[in-house]
C-alpha atoms as a PDB file:
ATOM      1  CA  UNK A   1       0.000   0.000   0.000  1.00  0.00           C
ATOM      2  CA  UNK A   2       2.789   2.431   0.899  1.00  0.00           C
ATOM      3  CA  UNK A   3       4.376   1.869  -2.495  1.00  0.00           C
ATOM      4  CA  UNK A   4       1.131   2.792  -4.273  1.00  0.00           C
ATOM      5  CA  UNK A   5       0.625   5.881  -2.122  1.00  0.00           C
ATOM      6  CA  UNK A   6       4.135   7.100  -2.846  1.00  0.00           C
ATOM      7  CA  UNK A   7       3.830   6.348  -6.563  1.00  0.00           C
ATOM      8  CA  UNK A   8       0.658   8.446  -6.666  1.00  0.00           C
ATOM      9  CA  UNK A   9       2.367  11.264  -4.747  1.00  0.00           C
ATOM     10  CA  UNK A  10       5.399  11.258  -7.046  1.00  0.00           C
ATOM     11  CA  UNK A  11       3.105  11.292 -10.089  1.00  0.00           C
ATOM     12  CA  UNK A  12       1.252  14.333  -8.737  1.00  0.00           C
ATOM     13  CA  UNK A  13       4.505  16.118  -7.924  1.00  0.00           C
ATOM     14  CA  UNK A  14       5.840  15.289 -11.391  1.00  0.00           C
ATOM     15  CA  UNK A  15       2.735  16.672 -13.056  1.00  0.00           C
ATOM     16  CA  UNK A  16       3.017  19.808 -10.938  1.00  0.00           C
ATOM     17  CA  UNK A  17       6.666  20.275 -11.932  1.00  0.00           C
ATOM     18  CA  UNK A  18       5.832  19.872 -15.614  1.00  0.00           C
ATOM     19  CA  UNK A  19       2.913  22.278 -15.284  1.00  0.00           C
ATOM     20  CA  UNK A  20       5.052  24.986 -13.689  1.00  0.00           C
ATOM     21  CA  UNK A  21       7.840  24.439 -16.225  1.00  0.00           C
ATOM     22  CA  UNK A  22       5.425  24.759 -19.157  1.00  0.00           C
ATOM     23  CA  UNK A  23       3.857  27.875 -17.642  1.00  0.00           C
ATOM     24  CA  UNK A  24       7.272  29.525 -17.253  1.00  0.00           C
ATOM     25  CA  UNK A  25       8.340  28.476 -20.739  1.00  0.00           C
ATOM     26  CA  UNK A  26       5.180  29.328 -22.684  1.00  0.00           C
ATOM     27  CA  UNK A  27       3.862  32.311 -20.752  1.00  0.00           C
ATOM     28  CA  UNK A  28       7.075  33.944 -19.605  1.00  0.00           C
ATOM     29  CA  UNK A  29       9.560  32.896 -22.253  1.00  0.00           C
ATOM     30  CA  UNK A  30      11.928  30.971 -19.979  1.00  0.00           C
ATOM     31  CA  UNK A  31      14.407  28.614 -21.554  1.00  0.00           C
ATOM     32  CA  UNK A  32      12.871  25.121 -21.398  1.00  0.00           C
ATOM     33  CA  UNK A  33      15.797  23.608 -19.477  1.00  0.00           C
ATOM     34  CA  UNK A  34      15.940  26.460 -16.969  1.00  0.00           C
ATOM     35  CA  UNK A  35      12.167  26.337 -16.464  1.00  0.00           C
ATOM     36  CA  UNK A  36      12.255  22.606 -15.786  1.00  0.00           C
ATOM     37  CA  UNK A  37      15.200  22.945 -13.409  1.00  0.00           C
ATOM     38  CA  UNK A  38      13.502  25.744 -11.465  1.00  0.00           C
ATOM     39  CA  UNK A  39      10.211  23.839 -11.272  1.00  0.00           C
ATOM     40  CA  UNK A  40      11.979  20.693 -10.055  1.00  0.00           C
ATOM     41  CA  UNK A  41      13.738  22.714  -7.362  1.00  0.00           C
ATOM     42  CA  UNK A  42      10.386  23.726  -5.815  1.00  0.00           C
ATOM     43  CA  UNK A  43       9.503  20.356  -4.191  1.00  0.00           C
ATOM     44  CA  UNK A  44      13.137  19.948  -3.135  1.00  0.00           C
ATOM     45  CA  UNK A  45      13.017  23.381  -1.512  1.00  0.00           C
ATOM     46  CA  UNK A  46       9.739  22.591   0.250  1.00  0.00           C
ATOM     47  CA  UNK A  47      11.261  19.365   1.607  1.00  0.00           C
ATOM     48  CA  UNK A  48      14.360  21.239   2.764  1.00  0.00           C
ATOM     49  CA  UNK A  49      12.267  23.884   4.554  1.00  0.00           C
ATOM     50  CA  UNK A  50      10.106  21.304   6.332  1.00  0.00           C
ATOM     51  CA  UNK A  51      13.203  19.440   7.463  1.00  0.00           C
ATOM     52  CA  UNK A  52      14.842  22.689   8.599  1.00  0.00           C
ATOM     53  CA  UNK A  53      11.808  23.328  10.780  1.00  0.00           C
ATOM     54  CA  UNK A  54      12.126  19.853  12.310  1.00  0.00           C
ATOM     55  CA  UNK A  55      15.835  20.364  13.020  1.00  0.00           C
ATOM     56  CA  UNK A  56      15.116  23.731  14.634  1.00  0.00           C
ATOM     57  CA  UNK A  57      12.535  22.121  16.925  1.00  0.00           C
ATOM     58  CA  UNK A  58      14.974  19.319  17.694  1.00  0.00           C
ATOM     59  CA  UNK A  59      17.722  21.812  18.559  1.00  0.00           C
ATOM     60  CA  UNK A  60      15.395  23.648  20.935  1.00  0.00           C
ATOM     61  CA  UNK A  61      14.518  20.420  22.759  1.00  0.00           C
ATOM     62  CA  UNK A  62      18.196  19.388  22.764  1.00  0.00           C
ATOM     63  CA  UNK A  63      19.189  22.617  24.538  1.00  0.00           C
ATOM     64  CA  UNK A  64      16.492  22.020  27.142  1.00  0.00           C
ATOM     65  CA  UNK A  65      17.538  18.397  27.608  1.00  0.00           C
ATOM     66  CA  UNK A  66      21.271  19.136  28.015  1.00  0.00           C
ATOM     67  CA  UNK A  67      21.654  22.899  28.649  1.00  0.00           C
ATOM     68  CA  UNK A  68      25.442  22.972  28.777  1.00  0.00           C
ATOM     69  CA  UNK A  69      26.083  20.736  25.763  1.00  0.00           C
ATOM     70  CA  UNK A  70      27.281  22.299  22.499  1.00  0.00           C
ATOM     71  CA  UNK A  71      27.056  20.410  19.243  1.00  0.00           C
ATOM     72  CA  UNK A  72      28.132  23.150  16.844  1.00  0.00           C
ATOM     73  CA  UNK A  73      26.362  24.326  13.680  1.00  0.00           C
ATOM     74  CA  UNK A  74      28.485  22.115  11.421  1.00  0.00           C
ATOM     75  CA  UNK A  75      26.949  18.893  12.736  1.00  0.00           C
ATOM     76  CA  UNK A  76      23.449  20.307  12.362  1.00  0.00           C
ATOM     77  CA  UNK A  77      24.062  21.419   8.778  1.00  0.00           C
ATOM     78  CA  UNK A  78      25.563  18.025   8.000  1.00  0.00           C
ATOM     79  CA  UNK A  79      22.510  16.296   9.461  1.00  0.00           C
ATOM     80  CA  UNK A  80      20.118  18.587   7.560  1.00  0.00           C
ATOM     81  CA  UNK A  81      21.746  18.175   4.143  1.00  0.00           C
ATOM     82  CA  UNK A  82      22.110  14.438   4.659  1.00  0.00           C
ATOM     83  CA  UNK A  83      18.460  14.161   5.636  1.00  0.00           C
ATOM     84  CA  UNK A  84      17.359  16.068   2.522  1.00  0.00           C
ATOM     85  CA  UNK A  85      19.195  13.543   0.349  1.00  0.00           C
ATOM     86  CA  UNK A  86      17.945  10.580   2.378  1.00  0.00           C
ATOM     87  CA  UNK A  87      14.302  11.704   2.358  1.00  0.00           C
ATOM     88  CA  UNK A  88      14.255  12.335  -1.398  1.00  0.00           C
ATOM     89  CA  UNK A  89      15.975   9.010  -2.035  1.00  0.00           C
ATOM     90  CA  UNK A  90      13.538   7.162   0.230  1.00  0.00           C
ATOM     91  CA  UNK A  91      10.184   8.662  -0.693  1.00  0.00           C
ATOM     92  CA  UNK A  92      10.764   9.483  -4.359  1.00  0.00           C
ATOM     93  CA  UNK A  93      12.713   6.405  -5.433  1.00  0.00           C
ATOM     94  CA  UNK A  94      13.735   3.544  -3.107  1.00  0.00           C
ATOM     95  CA  UNK A  95      10.344   2.682  -1.654  1.00  0.00           C
ATOM     96  CA  UNK A  96       8.695   2.766  -5.067  1.00  0.00           C
ATOM     97  CA  UNK A  97      11.462   0.820  -6.813  1.00  0.00           C
ATOM     98  CA  UNK A  98      12.056  -1.834  -4.134  1.00  0.00           C
ATOM     99  CA  UNK A  99       8.943  -1.749  -1.943  1.00  0.00           C
ATOM    100  CA  UNK A 100       7.539  -5.049  -3.218  1.00  0.00           C
ATOM    101  CA  UNK A 101      10.833  -6.667  -4.172  1.00  0.00           C
ATOM    102  CA  UNK A 102      12.884  -9.208  -2.275  1.00  0.00           C
ATOM    103  CA  UNK A 103      15.994  -7.577  -0.860  1.00  0.00           C
ATOM    104  CA  UNK A 104      19.557  -8.737  -1.611  1.00  0.00           C
ATOM    105  CA  UNK A 105      20.530 -11.695   0.554  1.00  0.00           C
ATOM    106  CA  UNK A 106      23.507 -14.009   0.989  1.00  0.00           C
ATOM    107  CA  UNK A 107      21.401 -17.171   1.187  1.00  0.00           C
ATOM    108  CA  UNK A 108      23.581 -19.877   2.637  1.00  0.00           C
ATOM    109  CA  UNK A 109      26.012 -17.249   3.934  1.00  0.00           C
ATOM    110  CA  UNK A 110      28.017 -17.986   7.085  1.00  0.00           C
ATOM    111  CA  UNK A 111      26.946 -14.984   9.174  1.00  0.00           C
ATOM    112  CA  UNK A 112      23.887 -14.375  11.342  1.00  0.00           C
ATOM    113  CA  UNK A 113      20.650 -14.003   9.335  1.00  0.00           C
ATOM    114  CA  UNK A 114      19.134 -10.526   9.718  1.00  0.00           C
ATOM    115  CA  UNK A 115      15.489  -9.461   9.575  1.00  0.00           C
ATOM    116  CA  UNK A 116      14.987  -5.786   8.644  1.00  0.00           C
ATOM    117  CA  UNK A 117      11.922  -3.936   9.992  1.00  0.00           C
ATOM    118  CA  UNK A 118      11.104  -0.451   8.666  1.00  0.00           C
ATOM    119  CA  UNK A 119       9.393   2.482  10.358  1.00  0.00           C
ATOM    120  CA  UNK A 120       6.407   4.799   9.954  1.00  0.00           C
ATOM    121  CA  UNK A 121       5.190   5.603   6.393  1.00  0.00           C
ATOM    122  CA  UNK A 122       7.936   3.409   4.979  1.00  0.00           C
ATOM    123  CA  UNK A 123       8.313  -0.036   3.446  1.00  0.00           C
ATOM    124  CA  UNK A 124      11.149  -2.505   2.928  1.00  0.00           C
ATOM    125  CA  UNK A 125      12.544  -0.441   0.047  1.00  0.00           C
ATOM    126  CA  UNK A 126      14.374   1.838   2.484  1.00  0.00           C
ATOM    127  CA  UNK A 127      16.622  -1.113   3.386  1.00  0.00           C
ATOM    128  CA  UNK A 128      17.920  -1.968  -0.095  1.00  0.00           C
ATOM    129  CA  UNK A 129      21.432  -0.427   0.286  1.00  0.00           C
ATOM    130  CA  UNK A 130      21.913  -1.865   3.780  1.00  0.00           C
ATOM    131  CA  UNK A 131      20.651  -5.287   2.668  1.00  0.00           C
ATOM    132  CA  UNK A 132      23.119  -5.278  -0.226  1.00  0.00           C
ATOM    133  CA  UNK A 133      25.931  -4.397   2.205  1.00  0.00           C
ATOM    134  CA  UNK A 134      24.864  -7.152   4.620  1.00  0.00           C
ATOM    135  CA  UNK A 135      24.636  -9.684   1.805  1.00  0.00           C
ATOM    136  CA  UNK A 136      28.145  -8.782   0.653  1.00  0.00           C
ATOM    137  CA  UNK A 137      29.353  -9.571   4.180  1.00  0.00           C
ATOM    138  CA  UNK A 138      27.653 -12.980   4.142  1.00  0.00           C
ATOM    139  CA  UNK A 139      24.402 -12.291   6.022  1.00  0.00           C
ATOM    140  CA  UNK A 140      21.173 -13.879   4.785  1.00  0.00           C
ATOM    141  CA  UNK A 141      18.547 -11.106   4.807  1.00  0.00           C
ATOM    142  CA  UNK A 142      14.768 -10.893   4.915  1.00  0.00           C
ATOM    143  CA  UNK A 143      12.325  -8.055   5.539  1.00  0.00           C
ATOM    144  CA  UNK A 144       8.695  -7.195   6.193  1.00  0.00           C
ATOM    145  CA  UNK A 145       6.198  -4.538   5.185  1.00  0.00           C
ATOM    146  CA  UNK A 146       4.221  -3.220   8.165  1.00  0.00           C
ATOM    147  CA  UNK A 147       0.614  -2.707   7.124  1.00  0.00           C
ATOM    148  CA  UNK A 148      -1.912  -1.176   7.462  1.00  0.00           C
ATOM    149  CA  UNK A 149       0.244   1.923   7.120  1.00  0.00           C
ATOM    150  CA  UNK A 150      -1.725   3.952   9.672  1.00  0.00           C
ATOM    151  CA  UNK A 151      -2.969   1.070  11.804  1.00  0.00           C
ATOM    152  CA  UNK A 152      -2.185   0.034  15.354  1.00  0.00           C
ATOM    153  CA  UNK A 153       1.325  -1.137  16.189  1.00  0.00           C
ATOM    154  CA  UNK A 154      -0.305  -4.215  17.734  1.00  0.00           C
ATOM    155  CA  UNK A 155      -1.383  -5.209  14.210  1.00  0.00           C
ATOM    156  CA  UNK A 156       2.298  -5.489  13.252  1.00  0.00           C
ATOM    157  CA  UNK A 157       3.063  -8.172  15.864  1.00  0.00           C
ATOM    158  CA  UNK A 158       2.055 -11.142  13.647  1.00  0.00           C
ATOM    159  CA  UNK A 159       3.930  -9.581  10.706  1.00  0.00           C
ATOM    160  CA  UNK A 160       7.162  -9.449  12.701  1.00  0.00           C
ATOM    161  CA  UNK A 161       6.525 -12.981  13.994  1.00  0.00           C
ATOM    162  CA  UNK A 162       6.041 -14.276  10.454  1.00  0.00           C
ATOM    163  CA  UNK A 163       9.193 -12.492   9.281  1.00  0.00           C
ATOM    164  CA  UNK A 164      11.259 -14.186  11.992  1.00  0.00           C
ATOM    165  CA  UNK A 165       9.676 -17.572  11.292  1.00  0.00           C
ATOM    166  CA  UNK A 166      10.228 -17.234   7.549  1.00  0.00           C
ATOM    167  CA  UNK A 167      13.873 -16.223   7.923  1.00  0.00           C
ATOM    168  CA  UNK A 168      14.631 -19.083  10.313  1.00  0.00           C
ATOM    169  CA  UNK A 169      12.887 -21.580   8.034  1.00  0.00           C
ATOM    170  CA  UNK A 170      14.646 -20.298   4.921  1.00  0.00           C
ATOM    171  CA  UNK A 171      18.111 -20.342   6.435  1.00  0.00           C
ATOM    172  CA  UNK A 172      17.757 -23.232   8.856  1.00  0.00           C
ATOM    173  CA  UNK A 173      19.441 -20.996  11.425  1.00  0.00           C
ATOM    174  CA  UNK A 174      18.810 -21.452  15.125  1.00  0.00           C
ATOM    175  CA  UNK A 175      19.584 -17.784  15.786  1.00  0.00           C
ATOM    176  CA  UNK A 176      18.633 -14.677  13.814  1.00  0.00           C
ATOM    177  CA  UNK A 177      19.026 -10.958  14.500  1.00  0.00           C
ATOM    178  CA  UNK A 178      16.703  -8.012  13.891  1.00  0.00           C
ATOM    179  CA  UNK A 179      17.553  -4.462  12.824  1.00  0.00           C
ATOM    180  CA  UNK A 180      14.623  -2.063  13.077  1.00  0.00           C
ATOM    181  CA  UNK A 181      14.322   1.597  12.137  1.00  0.00           C
ATOM    182  CA  UNK A 182      12.124   4.119  13.957  1.00  0.00           C
ATOM    183  CA  UNK A 183       8.625   2.747  14.696  1.00  0.00           C
ATOM    184  CA  UNK A 184       9.849  -0.685  13.606  1.00  0.00           C
ATOM    185  CA  UNK A 185      11.788  -0.944  16.854  1.00  0.00           C
ATOM    186  CA  UNK A 186       8.611  -0.386  18.870  1.00  0.00           C
ATOM    187  CA  UNK A 187       6.817  -3.023  16.767  1.00  0.00           C
ATOM    188  CA  UNK A 188       9.606  -5.513  17.519  1.00  0.00           C
ATOM    189  CA  UNK A 189       9.346  -4.760  21.243  1.00  0.00           C
ATOM    190  CA  UNK A 190       5.575  -5.304  21.041  1.00  0.00           C
ATOM    191  CA  UNK A 191       6.225  -8.684  19.390  1.00  0.00           C
ATOM    192  CA  UNK A 192       8.744  -9.638  22.078  1.00  0.00           C
ATOM    193  CA  UNK A 193       6.311  -8.694  24.849  1.00  0.00           C
ATOM    194  CA  UNK A 194       3.491 -10.607  23.170  1.00  0.00           C
ATOM    195  CA  UNK A 195       5.582 -13.738  22.662  1.00  0.00           C
ATOM    196  CA  UNK A 196       6.857 -13.886  26.234  1.00  0.00           C
ATOM    197  CA  UNK A 197       3.987 -16.306  26.845  1.00  0.00           C
ATOM    198  CA  UNK A 198       5.622 -18.633  24.305  1.00  0.00           C
ATOM    199  CA  UNK A 199       9.378 -18.294  24.916  1.00  0.00           C
ATOM    200  CA  UNK A 200      10.304 -20.663  22.094  1.00  0.00           C
ATOM    201  CA  UNK A 201       8.842 -18.208  19.582  1.00  0.00           C
ATOM    202  CA  UNK A 202      11.457 -15.546  20.271  1.00  0.00           C
ATOM    203  CA  UNK A 203      14.337 -17.515  21.779  1.00  0.00           C
ATOM    204  CA  UNK A 204      15.738 -17.779  18.275  1.00  0.00           C
ATOM    205  CA  UNK A 205      16.438 -14.022  18.175  1.00  0.00           C
ATOM    206  CA  UNK A 206      19.895 -13.431  19.603  1.00  0.00           C
ATOM    207  CA  UNK A 207      20.190  -9.656  19.061  1.00  0.00           C
ATOM    208  CA  UNK A 208      17.982  -6.689  18.221  1.00  0.00           C
ATOM    209  CA  UNK A 209      19.318  -3.320  17.058  1.00  0.00           C
ATOM    210  CA  UNK A 210      17.066  -0.271  16.797  1.00  0.00           C
ATOM    211  CA  UNK A 211      17.942   2.823  14.783  1.00  0.00           C
ATOM    212  CA  UNK A 212      16.287   6.065  15.831  1.00  0.00           C
ATOM    213  CA  UNK A 213      13.417   4.315  17.606  1.00  0.00           C
ATOM    214  CA  UNK A 214      11.088   6.436  19.783  1.00  0.00           C
ATOM    215  CA  UNK A 215      11.159   3.962  22.663  1.00  0.00           C
ATOM    216  CA  UNK A 216       9.487   6.512  24.924  1.00  0.00           C
ATOM    217  CA  UNK A 217       7.636   8.353  22.177  1.00  0.00           C
ATOM    218  CA  UNK A 218       8.269  11.552  20.256  1.00  0.00           C
ATOM    219  CA  UNK A 219       6.862  15.050  20.565  1.00  0.00           C
ATOM    220  CA  UNK A 220       6.226  15.221  16.806  1.00  0.00           C
ATOM    221  CA  UNK A 221       3.690  12.393  17.156  1.00  0.00           C
ATOM    222  CA  UNK A 222       1.226  15.092  18.250  1.00  0.00           C
ATOM    223  CA  UNK A 223       1.109  16.163  14.595  1.00  0.00           C
ATOM    224  CA  UNK A 224       1.058  12.792  12.815  1.00  0.00           C
ATOM    225  CA  UNK A 225      -1.765  10.694  11.403  1.00  0.00           C
ATOM    226  CA  UNK A 226      -2.827   7.205  12.390  1.00  0.00           C
ATOM    227  CA  UNK A 227      -3.371   4.971  15.377  1.00  0.00           C
ATOM    228  CA  UNK A 228       0.322   4.055  15.388  1.00  0.00           C
ATOM    229  CA  UNK A 229       1.298   7.720  15.735  1.00  0.00           C
ATOM    230  CA  UNK A 230      -1.036   8.166  18.693  1.00  0.00           C
ATOM    231  CA  UNK A 231       0.658   5.222  20.360  1.00  0.00           C
ATOM    232  CA  UNK A 232       4.045   6.933  19.911  1.00  0.00           C
ATOM    233  CA  UNK A 233       3.173  10.133  21.766  1.00  0.00           C
ATOM    234  CA  UNK A 234       5.615  10.812  24.621  1.00  0.00           C
ATOM    235  CA  UNK A 235       5.115   8.281  27.419  1.00  0.00           C
ATOM    236  CA  UNK A 236       1.689   7.388  26.052  1.00  0.00           C
ATOM    237  CA  UNK A 237      -0.528   4.952  27.894  1.00  0.00           C
ATOM    238  CA  UNK A 238       0.248   2.350  25.205  1.00  0.00           C
ATOM    239  CA  UNK A 239       4.030   2.787  25.590  1.00  0.00           C
ATOM    240  CA  UNK A 240       3.810   2.630  29.380  1.00  0.00           C
ATOM    241  CA  UNK A 241       1.785  -0.577  29.153  1.00  0.00           C
ATOM    242  CA  UNK A 242       4.337  -2.050  26.739  1.00  0.00           C
ATOM    243  CA  UNK A 243       7.217  -1.210  29.054  1.00  0.00           C
ATOM    244  CA  UNK A 244       5.360  -2.670  32.054  1.00  0.00           C
ATOM    245  CA  UNK A 245       4.854  -6.058  30.424  1.00  0.00           C
ATOM    246  CA  UNK A 246       8.365  -6.374  28.976  1.00  0.00           C
ATOM    247  CA  UNK A 247      10.645  -8.857  30.690  1.00  0.00           C
ATOM    248  CA  UNK A 248      14.075  -7.365  31.536  1.00  0.00           C
ATOM    249  CA  UNK A 249      15.756 -10.409  29.983  1.00  0.00           C
ATOM    250  CA  UNK A 250      14.217  -9.650  26.595  1.00  0.00           C
ATOM    251  CA  UNK A 251      15.187  -5.974  26.768  1.00  0.00           C
ATOM    252  CA  UNK A 252      18.771  -6.978  27.438  1.00  0.00           C
ATOM    253  CA  UNK A 253      18.943  -8.218  23.844  1.00  0.00           C
ATOM    254  CA  UNK A 254      18.383  -4.697  22.534  1.00  0.00           C
ATOM    255  CA  UNK A 255      20.951  -2.155  21.407  1.00  0.00           C
ATOM    256  CA  UNK A 256      19.567   1.306  20.623  1.00  0.00           C
ATOM    257  CA  UNK A 257      21.543   3.411  18.149  1.00  0.00           C
ATOM    258  CA  UNK A 258      20.334   7.001  18.183  1.00  0.00           C
ATOM    259  CA  UNK A 259      21.400  10.380  16.837  1.00  0.00           C
ATOM    260  CA  UNK A 260      21.828  13.536  18.875  1.00  0.00           C
ATOM    261  CA  UNK A 261      20.515  15.354  15.768  1.00  0.00           C
ATOM    262  CA  UNK A 262      17.447  13.194  15.109  1.00  0.00           C
ATOM    263  CA  UNK A 263      14.811  15.441  13.558  1.00  0.00           C
ATOM    264  CA  UNK A 264      11.835  13.137  14.169  1.00  0.00           C
ATOM    265  CA  UNK A 265      12.425  11.497  17.549  1.00  0.00           C
ATOM    266  CA  UNK A 266      12.326  14.459  19.928  1.00  0.00           C
ATOM    267  CA  UNK A 267      13.638  14.957  22.579  1.00  0.00           C
ATOM    268  CA  UNK A 268      16.479  12.875  21.257  1.00  0.00           C
ATOM    269  CA  UNK A 269      18.164  11.221  24.265  1.00  0.00           C
ATOM    270  CA  UNK A 270      15.164  10.929  26.549  1.00  0.00           C
ATOM    271  CA  UNK A 271      12.900   9.443  23.883  1.00  0.00           C
ATOM    272  CA  UNK A 272      15.269   6.730  22.713  1.00  0.00           C
ATOM    273  CA  UNK A 273      16.659   5.238  25.921  1.00  0.00           C
ATOM    274  CA  UNK A 274      15.206   2.515  28.126  1.00  0.00           C
ATOM    275  CA  UNK A 275      16.424   0.760  31.276  1.00  0.00           C
ATOM    276  CA  UNK A 276      18.614  -2.300  30.591  1.00  0.00           C
ATOM    277  CA  UNK A 277      19.094  -1.348  26.926  1.00  0.00           C
ATOM    278  CA  UNK A 278      22.565  -0.670  25.528  1.00  0.00           C
ATOM    279  CA  UNK A 279      22.714   2.673  23.741  1.00  0.00           C
ATOM    280  CA  UNK A 280      25.103   4.077  21.138  1.00  0.00           C
ATOM    281  CA  UNK A 281      24.893   7.767  20.232  1.00  0.00           C
ATOM    282  CA  UNK A 282      26.023   9.207  16.894  1.00  0.00           C
ATOM    283  CA  UNK A 283      26.172  12.850  15.810  1.00  0.00           C
ATOM    284  CA  UNK A 284      25.317  14.728  12.659  1.00  0.00           C
ATOM    285  CA  UNK A 285      22.745  12.274  11.277  1.00  0.00           C
ATOM    286  CA  UNK A 286      19.092  12.871  10.622  1.00  0.00           C
ATOM    287  CA  UNK A 287      16.331  10.357  11.254  1.00  0.00           C
ATOM    288  CA  UNK A 288      15.890   8.741   7.820  1.00  0.00           C
ATOM    289  CA  UNK A 289      19.616   9.017   7.085  1.00  0.00           C
ATOM    290  CA  UNK A 290      20.351   6.511   9.870  1.00  0.00           C
ATOM    291  CA  UNK A 291      19.160   3.755   7.531  1.00  0.00           C
ATOM    292  CA  UNK A 292      21.758   4.747   4.895  1.00  0.00           C
ATOM    293  CA  UNK A 293      24.800   5.570   7.011  1.00  0.00           C
ATOM    294  CA  UNK A 294      27.786   3.219   6.662  1.00  0.00           C
ATOM    295  CA  UNK A 295      29.095   3.945  10.157  1.00  0.00           C
ATOM    296  CA  UNK A 296      25.676   3.128  11.600  1.00  0.00           C
ATOM    297  CA  UNK A 297      25.616  -0.089   9.558  1.00  0.00           C
ATOM    298  CA  UNK A 298      28.945  -1.139  11.057  1.00  0.00           C
ATOM    299  CA  UNK A 299      27.787  -0.282  14.569  1.00  0.00           C
ATOM    300  CA  UNK A 300      24.663  -2.378  13.998  1.00  0.00           C
ATOM    301  CA  UNK A 301      26.654  -5.394  12.795  1.00  0.00           C
ATOM    302  CA  UNK A 302      29.091  -5.058  15.697  1.00  0.00           C
ATOM    303  CA  UNK A 303      26.122  -5.037  18.105  1.00  0.00           C
ATOM    304  CA  UNK A 304      24.652  -8.107  16.394  1.00  0.00           C
ATOM    305  CA  UNK A 305      27.908 -10.037  16.643  1.00  0.00           C
ATOM    306  CA  UNK A 306      28.398  -9.076  20.305  1.00  0.00           C
ATOM    307  CA  UNK A 307      24.778  -9.849  21.199  1.00  0.00           C
ATOM    308  CA  UNK A 308      24.739 -13.209  19.472  1.00  0.00           C
ATOM    309  CA  UNK A 309      28.065 -14.125  21.094  1.00  0.00           C
ATOM    310  CA  UNK A 310      26.589 -13.312  24.528  1.00  0.00           C
ATOM    311  CA  UNK A 311      23.493 -15.323  23.688  1.00  0.00           C
ATOM    312  CA  UNK A 312      25.557 -18.331  22.623  1.00  0.00           C
ATOM    313  CA  UNK A 313      27.695 -18.146  25.770  1.00  0.00           C
ATOM    314  CA  UNK A 314      24.598 -17.960  27.977  1.00  0.00           C
ATOM    315  CA  UNK A 315      23.050 -20.961  26.196  1.00  0.00           C
ATOM    316  CA  UNK A 316      26.139 -23.015  26.928  1.00  0.00           C
ATOM    317  CA  UNK A 317      27.450 -26.041  25.049  1.00  0.00           C
END
């Protein structure tokens, strides 16, 4: 569904760009190439302005959260420009091109199989570069599409469960890992909490890494659409209930990678940290850009290897 929605949006934007370009060319005598370039710059500029607003809000919350901490304008500009590129790549190309396609995978590879779980208003297409990188390293890869797009996070529990089951069955692996972006991390936690009644269902997951996940909600959820967004409001009743029913042993499998410059999960540090969860902070990255960042990829794989090694040691011979 997300792929169709984005394809329709891109078509409308494309028609608008062509309309403006023709108007400038035919009515105002602009050179055709210049008119098209100017018209195409309009949606890019709108995206950049919306993201700049998000980063400004994030900076305000960051100053309140850590009054004496200075991050410098360079890191913020880096995060903003990187997020512009990542958002255009994600919503205008990757999720349309790869949203319904199977991701690259090293089937039969020697490393831990990895299930990739996307976030809000996304689909598996966002993971294509990371999946290709994982496959090159020898990781079998699978993914899910969380639907309905604006439904309850509870509705995603069986989707995550099926993704884990499918990956284990396809690879024959006793242990798999999960990497989840944004809301996907909350969906994985909801699955873990749900399956605590049947430990064998999730004992096969040796490590979980979340990227920019609003574990305690985000202030921007006040302005989103959908039941899932309501559930991600700061310390919402749903999030508190989830945290209350989580077993500490399951949370110990989690590693949360978060950015001090996240433009969606606000306030950054407070929203993304939970008791008993390992955290790794990075700077100068926006929210969507976390899914494309090579340093973040390496941190995620390092966390998977460490987590699965701990899990194997705890299981014993």
